[in-house]
Structure formats: structure tokens, C-alpha cells
């Protein structure tokens, strides 16, 4: 495994801690920092910074990055399915479980969704409750609401 490098990205929803190596982006973490250490952006994170800039400026609706999320086979299957949810659209945990072929796995799908190590890029914020409610987001419901409104999703 190559060395993991970290940099902080200042977004409209706070500083994000990004981690990557030559193998790809492995983590995007929400922080509550009010300022972050300044450092040069390592080459393995430059495309991620640029694409996040474009996303937050409404110039990008999908990401094209080399990703390296690490999880169980089931988690990785859920994350691949999350990546298919189009910009500006939502799905439910139940629909996600059904798309994976096991509607009884709804809780496991929710748990895997919650462990998504690369939020925003792997759009776990686009998964909502079957009743349209904003539930379950590791970065806080306010960030989920911001991201969905940013994508022009109509919220109840």
C-alpha cells in the first residue's frame, strides 16, 4: 500500500479532511474545524479538490475520480449502488436494499450507507427514508439537507 496523504478542503458545509494515495481517494471526512492547517494539496488529491470546487459551484453533477474505499464485500456493493443514484435524485433505504436483491437487508444497507468513507463523491446523502424524511447522515442532517437542496431536490 502506498502512503496515505491528507489535506483539508474548505467547503460551504465546513472543512473536509480528504485522504488519498496513488491508489485513489480513500476518505472524505466532515469536520467541525473553524480553520484547518494550510498545506499544499498533494498530487493524489488535486483532481478531488477541483471536482469538489466544480460541484459546489454548480458546474459538476458527477465525479470522475480514482476511488479506493475499503470495506466488506457487502459494504462495497452498497457503495457501488450508491454511486448510481443520479444527481438531483433520491432513493430510499428500502429501494436500495431491493436493488441489491434483498429487501430484508434494509438495516444492513443503512449501516453500510452510514459507513461510506467517501461521502458527497459516493452520494450517500441521496438516500432518504421511505416517507421522504431525512434520516441517517454521519455528517449531520443539516449537511444532508444542504447537499440535497444544492442539487435542487425538493424536500418535504
Foldseek 3Di string as FASTA:
>chain_A
DFDKDWDWAQAPLGIWIWIDGPQWTAATHHDPDPDDDDDDDDPRCPLVNVQRVCLRVVNDFAHDTRYDYDDDPVLVVLLVLLNPAGQLAAEELQVSCVVVPHSVCSVVSLVSLLVPRYDPNSPSLRYDHPVQHRDRDPNDSVVSVVRNVSSVHDGD
